[in-house]
Amino acid sequence: MVGGDWISLNQETLLFEPAQPSSDALRTVLAFPSTYSVGITSLGYQVVWASLARRPDLDVRRLFTDQGDPQHRHCELFGLSLSWELDGPVLLDLLEQQRIPLWSHERGDGDPIVFGGGPVLTANPEPLAPFFDVVLLGDGELLLPAFIDALQELRGSPRRERLLRLAQLPGVYVPSLYAPRYDSDGQLIAIDPLTAEVPTQVAKQTWRGNTLSHSTVITPEAAWPSIHMVEVVRSCPELCRFCLASYLTLPFRTPSLDDGLIPAVEAGLGATRRLGLLGASVTQHPQFDELLQWLNQERFADTRISVSSVRAATVTQELASILARRGSKSITIAIESGSERMRQVVNKKLSEEEIHAAARHAKAGGLSALKLYGMAGLPSEEEADIEATASLLLALKKATPGLRLSLGVSSFVPKAHTPFQWEGLRPEADKRLKLLAKRLKPKGIELRPESYGWSVIQTLLSRSDRRLAAVIAAVRGKSDSQGSWKRAYKEAQDSLPPWDEVIHQRWDTGRVLPWAHLQGPLPVATLAKHREEALNAAAAA
């Protein structure tokens, strides 16, 4: 164990029926690279765990950095759910704890198959690729059953044969069967399959069923205590040019109200009276107003309802009023920038008046706070655009006295499979975060900036190829220190591209990207066109 005690299941209420493992069940560990309270709050982790635990041919144990279920004496399958780049290096600590060889090429027939999934690995698994035997690209609803069925059929076969067969399944990426090629300058020129039996490109898998996901376990020990989470939408129709949650998960999908959402909500309300409606843009579900009216019934009077970030233009006084009656204190909107020019650049279809209207409606509906999210260092951004963000917040404060305002702001970090994947992290973002603090904090507006220094490391993990694996191995056990990352990179710099090239440089659209062999929802030509449209908007404004 990494530390702490084994999980006490009497704190958990399960919303599914785990299967009784058969005598020859595959001994499986499903890990999360953070503490139990954080991991058990991840809807993706919950759903994967339940999918595996429903199978009698698997004996599934969970593992977190501070605790876990009772250990297997020897596991045969080790999985990791990853949703945040900076959590990725924790994989190595968990593997060491389980006495599993870190590098996939060092594992033999008796070692577990190590697999992973989640948005980070679907976007760009390459920095972590040498540690995984298998990466599942896309939605687990499709991938997991096919993956486990194939594993069971191949049980007892030599490791090489198992991996070769798995690599022929749609969306199943086996990194060891692909090799990057570099030119004499160390520039990546191709990622080639090592055998004709595997595809040259591995395509992300997309679930198109009528239902999405909801909580499978409720516990007071979660970071959001005793909450039942329901996925209202998947992806987002807005297509902001930087947004992984939109581009990587296309198309925009919505379950029906009667067959999908209402049964999902009802599933948890026997166990808790706290409901969370999740999605990149929940209010854009075509039946959201009907869902809201359904939740406005008297029988939900004791239910506390919260929603994730909503599109500012969809905030109404009625929405705010119903949320206030159901225990919410605030509502969250993403504005990205207070500058109209920058919102055009990133394709944020949002006017300043709509932002002001959202604040007015929030206050009139009885909410006490409005949370806004923005970015610094976006492509083509100038200092005047940051001043516009500060001015907008100050104008909102003046126009809606008594409404508590807070601005969460992060540095722009380029993400794979988005139109801004070729852009770099801009060094100016650091001083612009400080400029926002200087303008807003003295005026009583709460500013919640993300660390610029950690945005640098996040960019490193987001943009690198598998040569970074040696650096990740070097920082294991101390990956929470920015200095450790920089020292390890400097020590290995002879075999790595220049730091500035990876972190800050704008790349040419003809460059071979580390994830070029992994097919996302949109072709590269379409992403390049969207990028060109954004930069044209910047030039025209």
Protein backbone atom coordinates (compact mmCIF):
# COMPACT_ATOMS: atom_id res chain seq x y z
CA MET A 1 0.00 0.00 0.00
CA VAL A 2 1.04 3.60 -0.57
CA GLY A 3 -0.28 4.42 2.90
CA GLY A 4 -3.40 4.51 5.03
CA ASP A 5 -5.97 1.78 5.63
CA TRP A 6 -8.08 -0.46 3.45
CA ILE A 7 -11.44 0.95 2.42
CA SER A 8 -14.35 0.42 4.79
CA LEU A 9 -17.18 -0.60 2.50
CA ASN A 10 -19.84 0.15 5.10
CA GLN A 11 -19.43 3.83 4.14
CA GLU A 12 -20.39 3.04 0.54
CA THR A 13 -23.84 2.60 -0.96
CA LEU A 14 -23.62 0.70 -4.23
CA LEU A 15 -26.12 1.42 -7.02
CA PHE A 16 -25.29 -1.80 -8.84
CA GLU A 17 -25.01 -5.46 -7.95
CA PRO A 18 -21.43 -6.73 -8.07
CA ALA A 19 -21.04 -10.27 -9.37
CA GLN A 20 -19.67 -13.03 -7.21
CA PRO A 21 -16.27 -13.78 -8.77
CA SER A 22 -15.89 -17.30 -10.10
CA SER A 23 -13.12 -19.54 -8.82
CA ASP A 24 -10.96 -18.85 -11.87
CA ALA A 25 -11.81 -15.14 -12.17
CA LEU A 26 -9.09 -12.91 -13.62
CA ARG A 27 -7.49 -11.12 -10.67
CA THR A 28 -7.78 -7.43 -11.52
CA VAL A 29 -6.70 -4.14 -9.93
CA LEU A 30 -8.29 -0.86 -11.02
CA ALA A 31 -6.21 2.07 -9.81
CA PHE A 32 -6.70 5.81 -9.62
CA PRO A 33 -3.64 8.09 -9.33
CA SER A 34 -4.92 10.11 -6.37
CA THR A 35 -6.54 9.66 -2.98
CA TYR A 36 -9.72 7.69 -2.37
CA SER A 37 -11.83 10.82 -1.78
CA VAL A 38 -10.75 12.27 -5.14
CA GLY A 39 -10.83 9.03 -7.10
CA ILE A 40 -14.24 7.88 -5.90
CA THR A 41 -15.63 11.26 -6.97
CA SER A 42 -14.56 10.57 -10.57
CA LEU A 43 -17.63 9.44 -12.49
CA GLY A 44 -15.46 7.81 -15.13
CA TYR A 45 -13.62 5.74 -12.54
CA GLN A 46 -16.86 4.70 -10.86
CA VAL A 47 -18.41 3.56 -14.12
CA VAL A 48 -15.36 1.56 -15.21
CA TRP A 49 -15.15 -0.11 -11.80
CA ALA A 50 -18.82 -1.08 -11.90
CA SER A 51 -18.50 -2.38 -15.48
CA LEU A 52 -15.68 -4.68 -14.39
CA ALA A 53 -17.19 -5.66 -11.04
CA ARG A 54 -20.43 -6.82 -12.71
CA ARG A 55 -18.49 -9.60 -14.45
CA PRO A 56 -18.14 -12.93 -12.63
CA ASP A 57 -15.03 -13.68 -14.70
CA LEU A 58 -13.17 -10.81 -12.96
CA ASP A 59 -12.18 -10.38 -9.31
CA VAL A 60 -11.73 -6.59 -9.15
CA ARG A 61 -9.95 -4.70 -6.38
CA ARG A 62 -9.55 -0.93 -6.28
CA LEU A 63 -6.35 0.95 -5.48
CA PHE A 64 -5.82 4.62 -4.59
CA THR A 65 -2.72 6.42 -3.40
CA ASP A 66 -3.85 6.34 0.23
CA GLN A 67 -5.92 3.17 0.51
CA GLY A 68 -7.67 0.40 -1.39
CA ASP A 69 -9.59 -2.86 -1.31
CA PRO A 70 -7.83 -5.96 0.09
CA GLN A 71 -4.92 -6.77 -2.20
CA HIS A 72 -4.65 -9.77 -4.46
CA ARG A 73 -1.66 -11.93 -3.69
CA HIS A 74 -0.88 -11.68 -7.40
CA CYS A 75 -2.85 -9.67 -9.97
CA GLU A 76 -3.15 -10.56 -13.65
CA LEU A 77 -4.66 -7.32 -14.95
CA PHE A 78 -3.79 -3.80 -13.74
CA GLY A 79 -5.79 -0.81 -14.98
CA LEU A 80 -5.46 2.95 -14.49
CA SER A 81 -8.09 5.65 -15.11
CA LEU A 82 -6.41 8.96 -15.99
CA SER A 83 -8.18 12.30 -16.41
CA TRP A 84 -5.42 14.84 -15.58
CA GLU A 85 -1.93 15.04 -17.10
CA LEU A 86 -0.20 15.84 -13.82
CA ASP A 87 -1.53 12.62 -12.25
CA GLY A 88 0.06 10.44 -14.92
CA PRO A 89 3.48 9.95 -13.27
CA VAL A 90 1.78 8.53 -10.17
CA LEU A 91 1.25 5.38 -12.26
CA LEU A 92 4.88 4.45 -11.64
CA ASP A 93 4.50 4.73 -7.86
CA LEU A 94 1.45 2.45 -8.01
CA LEU A 95 3.24 -0.09 -10.21
CA GLU A 96 6.21 -0.19 -7.85
CA GLN A 97 3.89 -0.70 -4.90
CA GLN A 98 2.33 -3.69 -6.68
CA ARG A 99 5.81 -5.01 -7.62
CA ILE A 100 5.00 -4.79 -11.32
CA PRO A 101 7.92 -3.99 -13.66
CA LEU A 102 7.66 -0.33 -14.68
CA TRP A 103 8.55 -0.74 -18.35
CA SER A 104 6.29 -2.83 -20.53
CA HIS A 105 9.27 -4.46 -22.30
CA GLU A 106 10.48 -5.83 -18.95
CA ARG A 107 7.24 -7.74 -18.25
CA GLY A 108 7.02 -11.45 -18.93
CA ASP A 109 4.24 -14.00 -19.30
CA GLY A 110 3.68 -14.08 -15.54
CA ASP A 111 3.29 -10.32 -15.14
CA PRO A 112 -0.03 -8.45 -15.34
CA ILE A 113 -1.29 -6.76 -18.48
CA VAL A 114 -1.17 -3.05 -17.62
CA PHE A 115 -3.87 -1.02 -19.36
CA GLY A 116 -5.16 2.53 -19.12
CA GLY A 117 -7.88 4.81 -20.37
CA GLY A 118 -9.43 8.23 -19.88
CA PRO A 119 -9.25 11.56 -21.72
CA VAL A 120 -5.53 12.19 -21.14
CA LEU A 121 -4.50 8.82 -22.55
CA THR A 122 -6.97 9.07 -25.42
CA ALA A 123 -5.56 12.49 -26.37
CA ASN A 124 -1.82 11.75 -26.18
CA PRO A 125 -0.67 8.58 -24.44
CA GLU A 126 2.88 8.76 -25.82
CA PRO A 127 4.78 10.14 -22.78
CA LEU A 128 3.41 7.24 -20.71
CA ALA A 129 3.23 4.70 -23.55
CA PRO A 130 6.34 2.67 -22.57
CA PHE A 131 4.74 1.90 -19.19
CA PHE A 132 1.44 0.60 -20.61
CA ASP A 133 0.83 -2.68 -22.39
CA VAL A 134 -2.53 -1.46 -23.67
CA VAL A 135 -4.27 1.93 -23.95
CA LEU A 136 -8.01 2.07 -24.59
CA LEU A 137 -8.84 5.05 -26.80
CA GLY A 138 -12.33 6.47 -26.33
CA ASP A 139 -15.53 5.54 -24.57
CA GLY A 140 -15.44 2.63 -22.15
CA GLU A 141 -18.99 1.50 -22.95
CA LEU A 142 -17.66 0.01 -26.19
CA LEU A 143 -14.05 -0.71 -25.36
CA LEU A 144 -14.16 -2.47 -22.01
CA PRO A 145 -16.43 -5.43 -22.89
CA ALA A 146 -14.53 -6.20 -26.09
CA PHE A 147 -11.17 -5.85 -24.34
CA ILE A 148 -12.06 -8.12 -21.41
CA ASP A 149 -13.74 -10.72 -23.65
CA ALA A 150 -10.61 -10.91 -25.81
CA LEU A 151 -8.35 -11.14 -22.76
CA GLN A 152 -10.34 -14.07 -21.43
CA GLU A 153 -10.17 -15.88 -24.77
CA LEU A 154 -6.41 -15.39 -24.85
CA ARG A 155 -5.79 -16.40 -21.25
CA GLY A 156 -2.79 -18.67 -20.98
CA SER A 157 -1.35 -17.58 -24.33
CA PRO A 158 2.15 -16.08 -24.48
CA ARG A 159 2.23 -12.39 -23.70
CA ARG A 160 3.34 -11.40 -27.21
CA GLU A 161 0.43 -13.31 -28.74
CA ARG A 162 -2.09 -11.70 -26.38
CA LEU A 163 -0.86 -8.21 -27.17
CA LEU A 164 -0.86 -8.83 -30.91
CA ARG A 165 -4.46 -10.06 -30.85
CA LEU A 166 -5.60 -7.20 -28.61
CA ALA A 167 -4.04 -4.64 -30.97
CA GLN A 168 -6.42 -5.81 -33.70
CA LEU A 169 -9.49 -4.67 -31.72
CA PRO A 170 -10.94 -1.26 -32.64
CA GLY A 171 -9.65 1.45 -30.29
CA VAL A 172 -7.14 -0.83 -28.54
CA TYR A 173 -3.64 0.65 -28.81
CA VAL A 174 -0.62 -1.50 -27.95
CA PRO A 175 2.34 0.95 -27.85
CA SER A 176 5.03 -1.75 -28.03
CA LEU A 177 3.80 -2.71 -31.51
CA TYR A 178 4.51 0.80 -32.86
CA ALA A 179 7.88 2.52 -33.18
CA PRO A 180 8.61 6.23 -33.64
CA ARG A 181 11.14 7.26 -36.29
CA TYR A 182 13.24 10.42 -36.02
CA ASP A 183 15.41 12.27 -38.51
CA SER A 184 19.06 13.19 -37.90
CA ASP A 185 17.95 16.31 -36.01
CA GLY A 186 15.77 14.31 -33.62
CA GLN A 187 12.54 15.45 -35.30
CA LEU A 188 9.72 12.91 -35.26
CA ILE A 189 8.93 11.83 -38.82
CA ALA A 190 6.60 8.83 -38.35
CA ILE A 191 5.13 6.32 -35.90
CA ASP A 192 5.15 2.99 -37.69
CA PRO A 193 3.44 -0.32 -36.88
CA LEU A 194 6.00 -3.09 -36.40
CA THR A 195 3.81 -5.69 -38.11
CA ALA A 196 1.23 -5.66 -40.88
CA GLU A 197 -1.20 -7.38 -38.51
CA VAL A 198 -1.98 -4.11 -36.67
CA PRO A 199 -3.53 -0.95 -38.14
CA THR A 200 -1.38 2.02 -39.15
CA GLN A 201 -3.82 4.26 -37.27
CA VAL A 202 -5.81 3.42 -34.14
CA ALA A 203 -9.21 5.11 -34.07
CA LYS A 204 -10.87 6.45 -30.94
CA GLN A 205 -14.14 4.64 -30.21
CA THR A 206 -17.37 6.60 -29.73
CA TRP A 207 -20.40 5.39 -27.77
CA ARG A 208 -23.64 6.37 -29.50
CA GLY A 209 -26.17 4.69 -27.21
CA ASN A 210 -29.24 6.39 -25.77
CA THR A 211 -27.92 6.40 -22.20
CA LEU A 212 -24.87 8.02 -20.68
CA SER A 213 -23.45 7.38 -17.22
CA HIS A 214 -24.39 7.99 -13.61
CA SER A 215 -22.92 7.21 -10.22
CA THR A 216 -22.46 3.60 -9.24
CA VAL A 217 -21.40 4.30 -5.66
CA ILE A 218 -22.33 6.97 -3.15
CA THR A 219 -20.23 7.71 -0.10
CA PRO A 220 -19.80 10.52 2.45
CA GLU A 221 -16.04 10.07 2.04
CA ALA A 222 -16.03 11.47 -1.51
CA ALA A 223 -14.62 14.92 -2.25
CA TRP A 224 -18.23 15.83 -3.08
CA PRO A 225 -19.82 13.96 -0.17
CA SER A 226 -22.80 11.70 -0.80
CA ILE A 227 -23.46 13.02 -4.30
CA HIS A 228 -25.24 11.17 -7.09
CA MET A 229 -23.73 12.31 -10.39
CA VAL A 230 -25.63 12.11 -13.66
CA GLU A 231 -24.02 12.77 -17.04
CA VAL A 232 -26.50 15.00 -18.89
CA VAL A 233 -24.49 15.56 -22.08
CA ARG A 234 -21.24 14.29 -23.58
CA SER A 235 -19.03 16.66 -25.58
CA CYS A 236 -20.15 20.21 -26.39
CA PRO A 237 -21.56 21.78 -29.57
CA GLU A 238 -19.72 25.08 -29.11
CA LEU A 239 -16.28 23.89 -30.32
CA CYS A 240 -14.09 26.41 -28.54
CA ARG A 241 -10.78 26.07 -30.33
CA PHE A 242 -8.73 25.06 -27.26
CA CYS A 243 -11.23 22.65 -25.73
CA LEU A 244 -10.33 18.99 -25.31
CA ALA A 245 -13.70 18.22 -23.68
CA SER A 246 -15.44 19.36 -26.85
CA TYR A 247 -13.21 18.24 -29.73
CA LEU A 248 -11.96 14.92 -28.38
CA THR A 249 -15.40 13.66 -27.40
CA LEU A 250 -17.38 14.62 -30.52
CA PRO A 251 -20.14 14.22 -31.51
CA PHE A 252 -22.31 16.04 -28.98
CA ARG A 253 -24.55 13.40 -27.42
CA THR A 254 -27.63 13.67 -25.25
CA PRO A 255 -29.65 10.86 -23.65
CA SER A 256 -33.41 11.12 -23.90
CA LEU A 257 -35.28 12.48 -20.89
CA ASP A 258 -37.70 9.62 -20.26
CA ASP A 259 -35.46 6.66 -21.12
CA GLY A 260 -32.12 8.10 -20.05
CA LEU A 261 -32.02 11.04 -17.66
CA ILE A 262 -35.03 10.45 -15.42
CA PRO A 263 -34.16 6.79 -14.71
CA ALA A 264 -30.54 7.83 -14.06
CA VAL A 265 -31.63 10.48 -11.54
CA GLU A 266 -34.10 8.14 -9.85
CA ALA A 267 -31.41 5.47 -9.49
CA GLY A 268 -29.56 7.47 -6.86
CA LEU A 269 -32.24 9.38 -5.00
CA GLY A 270 -33.11 6.40 -2.83
CA ALA A 271 -29.59 6.60 -1.40
CA THR A 272 -28.94 10.34 -1.23
CA ARG A 273 -30.68 13.67 -1.64
CA ARG A 274 -27.72 15.34 -3.33
CA LEU A 275 -27.71 15.41 -7.12
CA GLY A 276 -25.01 16.66 -9.48
CA LEU A 277 -25.80 17.25 -13.17
CA LEU A 278 -22.58 16.90 -15.17
CA GLY A 279 -21.40 17.76 -18.66
CA ALA A 280 -19.44 20.38 -20.55
CA SER A 281 -22.64 22.30 -21.29
CA VAL A 282 -25.58 20.71 -19.46
CA THR A 283 -28.10 23.44 -20.25
CA GLN A 284 -27.74 22.73 -23.96
CA HIS A 285 -29.45 19.38 -23.61
CA PRO A 286 -32.53 19.81 -25.86
CA GLN A 287 -34.83 18.73 -23.01
CA PHE A 288 -33.02 20.51 -20.20
CA ASP A 289 -35.95 22.82 -19.44
CA GLU A 290 -38.22 19.78 -19.11
CA LEU A 291 -35.68 18.10 -16.81
CA LEU A 292 -35.56 21.27 -14.72
CA GLN A 293 -39.35 21.40 -14.41
CA TRP A 294 -39.41 17.73 -13.43
CA LEU A 295 -36.85 18.43 -10.70
CA ASN A 296 -38.96 21.38 -9.56
CA GLN A 297 -41.63 19.00 -8.23
CA GLU A 298 -42.43 19.11 -4.54
CA ARG A 299 -41.07 15.60 -4.00
CA PHE A 300 -37.58 16.95 -4.70
CA ALA A 301 -37.92 19.74 -2.13
CA ASP A 302 -35.28 18.14 0.09
CA THR A 303 -32.89 17.41 -2.78
CA ARG A 304 -29.81 19.58 -3.20
CA ILE A 305 -29.07 20.05 -6.91
CA SER A 306 -25.89 21.41 -8.42
CA VAL A 307 -24.87 21.76 -12.05
CA SER A 308 -21.44 21.88 -13.65
CA SER A 309 -20.42 24.77 -15.88
CA VAL A 310 -23.27 26.10 -18.03
CA ARG A 311 -23.24 28.27 -21.13
CA ALA A 312 -23.70 31.86 -20.01
CA ALA A 313 -26.35 32.58 -22.65
CA THR A 314 -28.57 29.81 -21.20
CA VAL A 315 -28.68 31.21 -17.66
CA THR A 316 -32.21 32.39 -16.89
CA GLN A 317 -33.84 33.70 -13.75
CA GLU A 318 -35.98 30.55 -13.67
CA LEU A 319 -32.89 28.32 -13.77
CA ALA A 320 -31.26 30.32 -10.97
CA SER A 321 -34.47 30.27 -8.94
CA ILE A 322 -34.93 26.51 -9.16
CA LEU A 323 -31.27 25.91 -8.29
CA ALA A 324 -31.53 28.28 -5.33
CA ARG A 325 -34.64 26.47 -4.09
CA ARG A 326 -32.70 23.21 -4.39
CA GLY A 327 -29.81 24.36 -2.24
CA SER A 328 -27.34 25.81 -4.76
CA LYS A 329 -25.53 28.98 -3.75
CA SER A 330 -23.82 29.67 -7.07
CA ILE A 331 -23.70 28.96 -10.77
CA THR A 332 -20.60 28.64 -12.96
CA ILE A 333 -20.02 30.04 -16.44
CA ALA A 334 -16.95 29.93 -18.68
CA ILE A 335 -16.23 33.24 -20.38
CA GLU A 336 -12.60 32.47 -21.41
CA SER A 337 -11.88 36.20 -21.79
CA GLY A 338 -13.48 39.55 -21.10
CA SER A 339 -12.29 40.64 -24.53
CA GLU A 340 -14.79 40.36 -27.38
CA ARG A 341 -11.86 39.96 -29.77
CA MET A 342 -10.48 36.98 -27.87
CA ARG A 343 -13.86 35.33 -27.59
CA GLN A 344 -14.09 35.51 -31.40
CA VAL A 345 -10.62 34.00 -31.72
CA VAL A 346 -11.48 30.98 -29.56
CA ASN A 347 -14.97 30.65 -31.10
CA LYS A 348 -16.72 31.50 -27.83
CA LYS A 349 -20.10 32.58 -29.14
CA LEU A 350 -20.88 34.87 -26.24
CA SER A 351 -21.54 38.61 -26.01
CA GLU A 352 -20.74 40.89 -23.10
CA GLU A 353 -24.45 41.59 -22.65
CA GLU A 354 -25.12 37.85 -22.28
CA ILE A 355 -22.49 37.69 -19.53
CA HIS A 356 -24.13 40.64 -17.75
CA ALA A 357 -27.55 39.03 -18.20
CA ALA A 358 -26.28 35.80 -16.62
CA ALA A 359 -25.14 37.76 -13.57
CA ARG A 360 -28.45 39.62 -13.32
CA HIS A 361 -30.47 36.41 -13.64
CA ALA A 362 -28.30 34.63 -11.07
CA LYS A 363 -28.89 37.38 -8.52
CA ALA A 364 -32.59 37.84 -9.30
CA GLY A 365 -33.12 34.08 -8.98
CA GLY A 366 -31.72 34.04 -5.48
CA LEU A 367 -28.19 32.76 -6.00
CA SER A 368 -25.52 34.45 -3.91
CA ALA A 369 -22.47 33.86 -6.13
CA LEU A 370 -21.37 33.67 -9.75
CA LYS A 371 -18.24 31.73 -10.62
CA LEU A 372 -16.52 32.56 -13.88
CA TYR A 373 -13.70 30.76 -15.68
CA GLY A 374 -11.20 32.40 -17.98
CA MET A 375 -7.76 31.93 -19.51
CA ALA A 376 -4.53 33.85 -19.88
CA GLY A 377 -2.01 33.41 -22.67
CA LEU A 378 -4.43 32.40 -25.43
CA PRO A 379 -3.05 32.57 -28.99
CA SER A 380 -2.85 36.21 -30.23
CA GLU A 381 -3.83 37.56 -26.80
CA GLU A 382 -2.46 40.97 -25.87
CA GLU A 383 -2.22 42.70 -22.51
CA ALA A 384 -5.23 44.83 -23.47
CA ASP A 385 -7.33 41.64 -23.63
CA ILE A 386 -6.41 40.84 -20.02
CA GLU A 387 -7.31 44.40 -19.03
CA ALA A 388 -10.69 43.78 -20.71
CA THR A 389 -11.22 40.73 -18.52
CA ALA A 390 -10.50 42.78 -15.40
CA SER A 391 -12.79 45.57 -16.61
CA LEU A 392 -15.62 43.11 -17.26
CA LEU A 393 -15.38 41.66 -13.75
CA LEU A 394 -15.36 45.12 -12.21
CA ALA A 395 -18.37 46.14 -14.32
CA LEU A 396 -20.24 42.98 -13.22
CA LYS A 397 -19.52 43.78 -9.59
CA LYS A 398 -20.85 47.31 -9.99
CA ALA A 399 -23.95 46.20 -11.93
CA THR A 400 -24.92 43.37 -9.54
CA PRO A 401 -24.05 44.53 -6.03
CA GLY A 402 -24.34 41.78 -3.45
CA LEU A 403 -23.54 39.00 -5.93
CA ARG A 404 -20.23 37.44 -4.92
CA LEU A 405 -17.93 37.08 -7.92
CA SER A 406 -14.96 34.79 -8.35
CA LEU A 407 -12.74 34.22 -11.36
CA GLY A 408 -10.90 30.94 -11.86
CA VAL A 409 -8.17 31.51 -14.40
CA SER A 410 -5.61 29.21 -15.94
CA SER A 411 -2.85 29.54 -18.50
CA PHE A 412 -3.74 28.26 -21.95
CA VAL A 413 -2.24 24.75 -22.39
CA PRO A 414 -2.32 23.22 -25.90
CA LYS A 415 -4.23 19.93 -26.16
CA ALA A 416 -4.00 17.17 -28.75
CA HIS A 417 -6.82 16.81 -31.30
CA THR A 418 -7.87 20.47 -30.94
CA PRO A 419 -7.27 23.33 -33.41
CA PHE A 420 -4.79 24.91 -30.98
CA GLN A 421 -2.67 21.74 -30.68
CA TRP A 422 0.06 23.48 -32.72
CA GLU A 423 0.25 26.49 -30.37
CA GLY A 424 2.65 26.74 -27.44
CA LEU A 425 2.32 27.84 -23.84
CA ARG A 426 2.98 31.58 -23.84
CA PRO A 427 5.45 32.86 -21.22
CA GLU A 428 3.42 36.09 -21.01
CA ALA A 429 0.66 34.16 -19.25
CA ASP A 430 2.61 34.27 -15.99
CA LYS A 431 2.69 38.05 -15.70
CA ARG A 432 -0.87 38.32 -16.99
CA LEU A 433 -2.14 36.14 -14.16
CA LYS A 434 -0.38 38.53 -11.80
CA LEU A 435 -1.92 41.51 -13.60
CA LEU A 436 -5.41 40.09 -13.02
CA ALA A 437 -4.61 39.66 -9.33
CA LYS A 438 -3.43 43.26 -9.13
CA ARG A 439 -6.62 44.56 -10.78
CA LEU A 440 -9.22 42.37 -9.05
CA LYS A 441 -8.14 41.43 -5.54
CA PRO A 442 -8.14 44.98 -4.13
CA LYS A 443 -11.72 45.35 -5.42
CA GLY A 444 -12.97 42.33 -3.47
CA ILE A 445 -13.22 39.93 -6.39
CA GLU A 446 -11.89 36.48 -5.57
CA LEU A 447 -9.25 35.28 -8.02
CA ARG A 448 -8.39 31.57 -8.18
CA PRO A 449 -5.39 31.31 -10.51
CA GLU A 450 -3.83 28.00 -11.50
CA SER A 451 -0.07 27.81 -11.12
CA TYR A 452 1.78 28.92 -14.23
CA GLY A 453 4.69 26.70 -13.22
CA TRP A 454 2.49 23.62 -13.20
CA SER A 455 0.99 24.68 -16.55
CA VAL A 456 4.54 24.36 -17.90
CA ILE A 457 4.75 20.74 -16.69
CA GLN A 458 1.22 20.05 -17.95
CA THR A 459 2.27 21.33 -21.39
CA LEU A 460 5.34 19.10 -21.29
CA LEU A 461 3.12 16.06 -20.69
CA SER A 462 0.50 17.22 -23.20
CA ARG A 463 2.90 17.81 -26.14
CA SER A 464 5.74 15.31 -25.70
CA ASP A 465 6.40 12.02 -27.44
CA ARG A 466 7.52 8.81 -25.76
CA ARG A 467 11.07 10.05 -25.27
CA LEU A 468 9.68 11.83 -22.19
CA ALA A 469 9.15 8.46 -20.48
CA ALA A 470 12.74 8.47 -19.23
CA VAL A 471 12.10 11.82 -17.51
CA ILE A 472 8.87 10.52 -15.97
CA ALA A 473 10.76 7.49 -14.63
CA ALA A 474 13.44 9.80 -13.20
CA VAL A 475 10.92 11.93 -11.25
CA ARG A 476 8.89 9.06 -9.78
CA GLY A 477 8.33 9.58 -6.10
CA LYS A 478 8.99 13.30 -6.48
CA SER A 479 6.76 14.30 -9.38
CA ASP A 480 5.10 16.91 -7.15
CA SER A 481 8.22 19.11 -7.45
CA GLN A 482 8.54 21.37 -10.50
CA GLY A 483 12.28 21.53 -9.90
CA SER A 484 12.56 17.74 -10.18
CA TRP A 485 11.00 17.84 -13.64
CA LYS A 486 13.34 20.55 -14.90
CA ARG A 487 16.44 18.86 -13.49
CA ALA A 488 15.48 15.48 -14.94
CA TYR A 489 14.81 17.03 -18.36
CA LYS A 490 18.13 18.86 -18.32
CA GLU A 491 20.00 15.68 -17.40
CA ALA A 492 18.41 13.81 -20.33
CA GLN A 493 18.46 16.72 -22.78
CA ASP A 494 20.87 15.05 -25.22
CA SER A 495 18.13 12.55 -26.15
CA LEU A 496 15.21 15.00 -25.97
CA PRO A 497 13.99 17.90 -28.11
CA PRO A 498 14.81 21.36 -26.73
CA TRP A 499 12.67 22.39 -23.74
CA ASP A 500 11.54 25.61 -25.41
CA GLU A 501 10.49 23.76 -28.56
CA VAL A 502 8.17 21.47 -26.61
CA ILE A 503 6.78 24.03 -24.17
CA HIS A 504 6.61 27.38 -25.94
CA GLN A 505 7.16 26.98 -29.67
CA ARG A 506 4.32 27.29 -32.19
CA TRP A 507 4.55 24.24 -34.42
CA ASP A 508 4.02 24.12 -38.17
CA THR A 509 0.80 22.35 -39.18
CA GLY A 510 2.86 20.03 -41.39
CA ARG A 511 4.80 18.69 -38.41
CA VAL A 512 4.33 15.03 -37.48
CA LEU A 513 2.71 15.15 -34.05
CA PRO A 514 3.39 12.54 -31.34
CA TRP A 515 -0.23 11.37 -31.63
CA ALA A 516 -0.34 11.32 -35.47
CA HIS A 517 -1.03 7.56 -35.50
CA LEU A 518 -4.06 7.97 -33.22
CA GLN A 519 -7.23 9.01 -34.99
CA GLY A 520 -9.49 11.47 -33.17
CA PRO A 521 -13.03 12.53 -34.12
CA LEU A 522 -11.90 15.10 -36.73
CA PRO A 523 -9.15 14.84 -39.36
CA VAL A 524 -6.04 16.98 -39.02
CA ALA A 525 -7.02 19.04 -42.08
CA THR A 526 -10.27 20.07 -40.38
CA LEU A 527 -8.46 21.04 -37.17
CA ALA A 528 -5.96 23.08 -39.22
CA LYS A 529 -8.85 24.85 -40.96
CA HIS A 530 -10.46 25.70 -37.61
CA ARG A 531 -7.12 27.05 -36.40
CA GLU A 532 -6.79 29.20 -39.52
CA GLU A 533 -10.29 30.58 -38.95
CA ALA A 534 -9.31 31.49 -35.39
CA LEU A 535 -6.13 33.28 -36.42
CA ASN A 536 -7.98 35.09 -39.22
CA ALA A 537 -10.47 36.29 -36.63
CA ALA A 538 -7.55 37.60 -34.58
CA ALA A 539 -6.14 39.50 -37.54
CA ALA A 540 -9.51 40.96 -38.52
CA ALA A 541 -10.49 42.17 -35.05
